[in-house]
Amino acid sequence: MSFLFWLSIALWLVSLLCYAVILSGNERLDRADRGESASTFFDVLNGGPGYARSLKYLYRTLVLSAIGALATGALYLLFGV
């Protein structure tokens, strides 16, 4: 049952990483609109032709990993303790 615990932790980390990438991309776009330097650590969201597609996949990954983390955490609490 320890597997459910670590799976839940891993899914939370995936969702946090997706959230950080989304925020970083939005900040980069805001800086580019203001004419400031737009370089950031995460250059995934660049406002190019694939912007909407990558954003859609990031949001989908964020939501599904958070739901999966909640579900596996609940299963761990129900059956693992």
N, C-alpha and C. Protein backbone atom coordinates (compact mmCIF):
# COMPACT_ATOMS: atom_id res chain seq x y z
N MET A 1 0.81 -1.20 0.00
CA MET A 1 0.00 0.00 0.00
C MET A 1 0.86 1.27 0.00
N SER A 2 2.12 1.12 0.30
CA SER A 2 3.00 2.27 0.25
C SER A 2 3.11 2.81 -1.17
N PHE A 3 2.86 1.94 -2.15
CA PHE A 3 2.89 2.36 -3.55
C PHE A 3 1.87 3.47 -3.81
N LEU A 4 0.67 3.37 -3.22
CA LEU A 4 -0.35 4.40 -3.42
C LEU A 4 0.11 5.75 -2.86
N PHE A 5 0.78 5.71 -1.74
CA PHE A 5 1.29 6.94 -1.13
C PHE A 5 2.29 7.62 -2.05
N TRP A 6 3.27 6.87 -2.55
CA TRP A 6 4.30 7.46 -3.39
C TRP A 6 3.75 7.85 -4.75
N LEU A 7 2.77 7.13 -5.24
CA LEU A 7 2.12 7.53 -6.49
C LEU A 7 1.38 8.85 -6.31
N SER A 8 0.72 9.01 -5.19
CA SER A 8 0.03 10.27 -4.90
C SER A 8 1.02 11.43 -4.82
N ILE A 9 2.15 11.21 -4.15
CA ILE A 9 3.17 12.26 -4.05
C ILE A 9 3.72 12.61 -5.43
N ALA A 10 3.98 11.60 -6.25
CA ALA A 10 4.51 11.84 -7.59
C ALA A 10 3.51 12.61 -8.44
N LEU A 11 2.24 12.27 -8.33
CA LEU A 11 1.23 13.00 -9.11
C LEU A 11 1.10 14.45 -8.65
N TRP A 12 1.23 14.70 -7.36
CA TRP A 12 1.22 16.08 -6.88
C TRP A 12 2.42 16.85 -7.42
N LEU A 13 3.56 16.21 -7.48
CA LEU A 13 4.74 16.89 -8.03
C LEU A 13 4.56 17.20 -9.51
N VAL A 14 3.94 16.30 -10.25
CA VAL A 14 3.67 16.55 -11.67
C VAL A 14 2.73 17.74 -11.82
N SER A 15 1.70 17.78 -10.99
CA SER A 15 0.75 18.90 -11.09
C SER A 15 1.41 20.22 -10.70
N LEU A 16 2.29 20.21 -9.70
CA LEU A 16 3.00 21.44 -9.33
C LEU A 16 3.93 21.90 -10.43
N LEU A 17 4.60 20.96 -11.08
CA LEU A 17 5.48 21.31 -12.19
C LEU A 17 4.69 21.92 -13.35
N CYS A 18 3.55 21.33 -13.67
CA CYS A 18 2.70 21.89 -14.74
C CYS A 18 2.25 23.30 -14.39
N TYR A 19 1.87 23.49 -13.14
CA TYR A 19 1.43 24.81 -12.70
C TYR A 19 2.56 25.83 -12.82
N ALA A 20 3.77 25.42 -12.45
CA ALA A 20 4.92 26.33 -12.56
C ALA A 20 5.20 26.68 -14.01
N VAL A 21 5.08 25.72 -14.90
CA VAL A 21 5.33 25.98 -16.32
C VAL A 21 4.28 26.93 -16.88
N ILE A 22 3.02 26.73 -16.49
CA ILE A 22 1.95 27.61 -16.96
C ILE A 22 2.18 29.04 -16.46
N LEU A 23 2.49 29.20 -15.18
CA LEU A 23 2.73 30.54 -14.64
C LEU A 23 3.95 31.19 -15.28
N SER A 24 4.99 30.41 -15.51
CA SER A 24 6.20 30.94 -16.13
C SER A 24 5.91 31.41 -17.55
N GLY A 25 5.15 30.62 -18.28
CA GLY A 25 4.79 31.01 -19.65
C GLY A 25 3.94 32.26 -19.69
N ASN A 26 3.00 32.37 -18.76
CA ASN A 26 2.16 33.57 -18.71
C ASN A 26 2.98 34.80 -18.35
N GLU A 27 3.92 34.65 -17.43
CA GLU A 27 4.80 35.76 -17.08
C GLU A 27 5.67 36.18 -18.26
N ARG A 28 6.15 35.20 -19.00
CA ARG A 28 6.97 35.49 -20.18
C ARG A 28 6.17 36.27 -21.22
N LEU A 29 4.92 35.87 -21.43
CA LEU A 29 4.08 36.58 -22.39
C LEU A 29 3.76 37.99 -21.92
N ASP A 30 3.54 38.16 -20.62
CA ASP A 30 3.28 39.50 -20.08
C ASP A 30 4.49 40.41 -20.25
N ARG A 31 5.68 39.86 -20.00
CA ARG A 31 6.89 40.66 -20.18
C ARG A 31 7.12 41.01 -21.64
N ALA A 32 6.83 40.09 -22.53
CA ALA A 32 7.00 40.37 -23.95
C ALA A 32 6.02 41.45 -24.41
N ASP A 33 4.81 41.45 -23.87
CA ASP A 33 3.83 42.48 -24.22
C ASP A 33 4.27 43.86 -23.74
N ARG A 34 4.95 43.90 -22.60
CA ARG A 34 5.42 45.18 -22.05
C ARG A 34 6.73 45.63 -22.68
N GLY A 35 7.35 44.78 -23.49
CA GLY A 35 8.59 45.13 -24.15
C GLY A 35 9.82 44.87 -23.31
N GLU A 36 9.68 44.14 -22.22
CA GLU A 36 10.82 43.83 -21.36
C GLU A 36 11.48 42.54 -21.84
N SER A 37 12.57 42.19 -21.18
CA SER A 37 13.24 40.93 -21.50
C SER A 37 12.30 39.78 -21.16
N ALA A 38 12.14 38.86 -22.10
CA ALA A 38 11.14 37.81 -21.93
C ALA A 38 11.77 36.46 -21.67
N SER A 39 13.03 36.41 -21.29
CA SER A 39 13.66 35.12 -21.07
C SER A 39 13.35 34.60 -19.67
N THR A 40 12.91 33.36 -19.59
CA THR A 40 12.63 32.69 -18.32
C THR A 40 13.22 31.30 -18.36
N PHE A 41 13.19 30.63 -17.23
CA PHE A 41 13.74 29.28 -17.15
C PHE A 41 12.94 28.30 -18.00
N PHE A 42 11.61 28.36 -17.91
CA PHE A 42 10.75 27.49 -18.69
C PHE A 42 10.34 28.22 -19.96
N ASP A 43 10.83 27.77 -21.08
CA ASP A 43 10.49 28.39 -22.35
C ASP A 43 9.49 27.54 -23.14
N VAL A 44 8.61 26.86 -22.45
CA VAL A 44 7.66 25.97 -23.12
C VAL A 44 6.57 26.78 -23.81
N LEU A 45 6.03 27.75 -23.11
CA LEU A 45 4.94 28.56 -23.67
C LEU A 45 5.54 29.79 -24.32
N ASN A 46 5.67 29.80 -25.62
CA ASN A 46 6.36 30.90 -26.28
C ASN A 46 5.45 31.78 -27.12
N GLY A 47 4.17 31.53 -27.11
CA GLY A 47 3.27 32.38 -27.87
C GLY A 47 3.29 32.12 -29.35
N GLY A 48 3.96 31.08 -29.77
CA GLY A 48 4.05 30.75 -31.19
C GLY A 48 2.81 30.00 -31.67
N PRO A 49 2.91 29.35 -32.81
CA PRO A 49 1.75 28.66 -33.36
C PRO A 49 1.26 27.50 -32.50
N GLY A 50 2.13 26.88 -31.73
CA GLY A 50 1.70 25.78 -30.88
C GLY A 50 1.31 26.18 -29.48
N TYR A 51 1.14 27.48 -29.24
CA TYR A 51 0.88 27.98 -27.89
C TYR A 51 -0.41 27.43 -27.31
N ALA A 52 -1.50 27.53 -28.05
CA ALA A 52 -2.80 27.08 -27.53
C ALA A 52 -2.79 25.57 -27.31
N ARG A 53 -2.14 24.86 -28.19
CA ARG A 53 -2.10 23.41 -28.07
C ARG A 53 -1.30 22.98 -26.84
N SER A 54 -0.12 23.58 -26.64
CA SER A 54 0.68 23.22 -25.48
C SER A 54 0.00 23.64 -24.18
N LEU A 55 -0.66 24.78 -24.20
CA LEU A 55 -1.37 25.23 -23.01
C LEU A 55 -2.51 24.28 -22.67
N LYS A 56 -3.21 23.80 -23.69
CA LYS A 56 -4.31 22.86 -23.47
C LYS A 56 -3.79 21.58 -22.83
N TYR A 57 -2.67 21.07 -23.32
CA TYR A 57 -2.11 19.84 -22.76
C TYR A 57 -1.57 20.05 -21.36
N LEU A 58 -1.01 21.22 -21.10
CA LEU A 58 -0.52 21.50 -19.74
C LEU A 58 -1.67 21.57 -18.75
N TYR A 59 -2.75 22.26 -19.11
CA TYR A 59 -3.90 22.33 -18.22
C TYR A 59 -4.53 20.96 -18.02
N ARG A 60 -4.60 20.17 -19.07
CA ARG A 60 -5.17 18.83 -18.97
C ARG A 60 -4.31 17.97 -18.05
N THR A 61 -3.00 18.05 -18.20
CA THR A 61 -2.09 17.29 -17.34
C THR A 61 -2.20 17.75 -15.90
N LEU A 62 -2.31 19.06 -15.70
CA LEU A 62 -2.46 19.61 -14.36
C LEU A 62 -3.71 19.07 -13.68
N VAL A 63 -4.83 19.14 -14.35
CA VAL A 63 -6.10 18.72 -13.75
C VAL A 63 -6.13 17.22 -13.52
N LEU A 64 -5.70 16.45 -14.51
CA LEU A 64 -5.74 14.99 -14.36
C LEU A 64 -4.77 14.49 -13.29
N SER A 65 -3.60 15.09 -13.20
CA SER A 65 -2.66 14.65 -12.17
C SER A 65 -3.15 15.04 -10.77
N ALA A 66 -3.79 16.19 -10.64
CA ALA A 66 -4.33 16.58 -9.34
C ALA A 66 -5.48 15.65 -8.93
N ILE A 67 -6.35 15.32 -9.87
CA ILE A 67 -7.44 14.39 -9.57
C ILE A 67 -6.89 13.00 -9.24
N GLY A 68 -5.90 12.56 -10.00
CA GLY A 68 -5.28 11.27 -9.70
C GLY A 68 -4.61 11.25 -8.35
N ALA A 69 -3.97 12.35 -7.97
CA ALA A 69 -3.32 12.42 -6.66
C ALA A 69 -4.35 12.37 -5.55
N LEU A 70 -5.46 13.06 -5.73
CA LEU A 70 -6.52 13.00 -4.72
C LEU A 70 -7.10 11.61 -4.61
N ALA A 71 -7.32 10.96 -5.74
CA ALA A 71 -7.90 9.61 -5.72
C ALA A 71 -6.95 8.60 -5.09
N THR A 72 -5.67 8.63 -5.48
CA THR A 72 -4.73 7.68 -4.90
C THR A 72 -4.47 7.96 -3.42
N GLY A 73 -4.49 9.23 -3.04
CA GLY A 73 -4.36 9.57 -1.62
C GLY A 73 -5.54 9.06 -0.81
N ALA A 74 -6.74 9.18 -1.38
CA ALA A 74 -7.93 8.67 -0.70
C ALA A 74 -7.89 7.15 -0.59
N LEU A 75 -7.46 6.48 -1.65
CA LEU A 75 -7.34 5.02 -1.60
C LEU A 75 -6.31 4.59 -0.56
N TYR A 76 -5.22 5.33 -0.48
CA TYR A 76 -4.21 5.02 0.53
C TYR A 76 -4.78 5.19 1.94
N LEU A 77 -5.54 6.26 2.15
CA LEU A 77 -6.11 6.47 3.48
C LEU A 77 -7.16 5.41 3.82
N LEU A 78 -7.91 4.97 2.81
CA LEU A 78 -8.96 3.97 3.07
C LEU A 78 -8.38 2.58 3.29
N PHE A 79 -7.40 2.19 2.49
CA PHE A 79 -6.93 0.82 2.53
C PHE A 79 -5.51 0.65 3.03
N GLY A 80 -4.75 1.72 3.12
CA GLY A 80 -3.34 1.59 3.47
C GLY A 80 -3.03 1.77 4.93
N VAL A 81 -3.91 2.40 5.65
CA VAL A 81 -3.62 2.69 7.06
C VAL A 81 -4.07 1.55 7.95
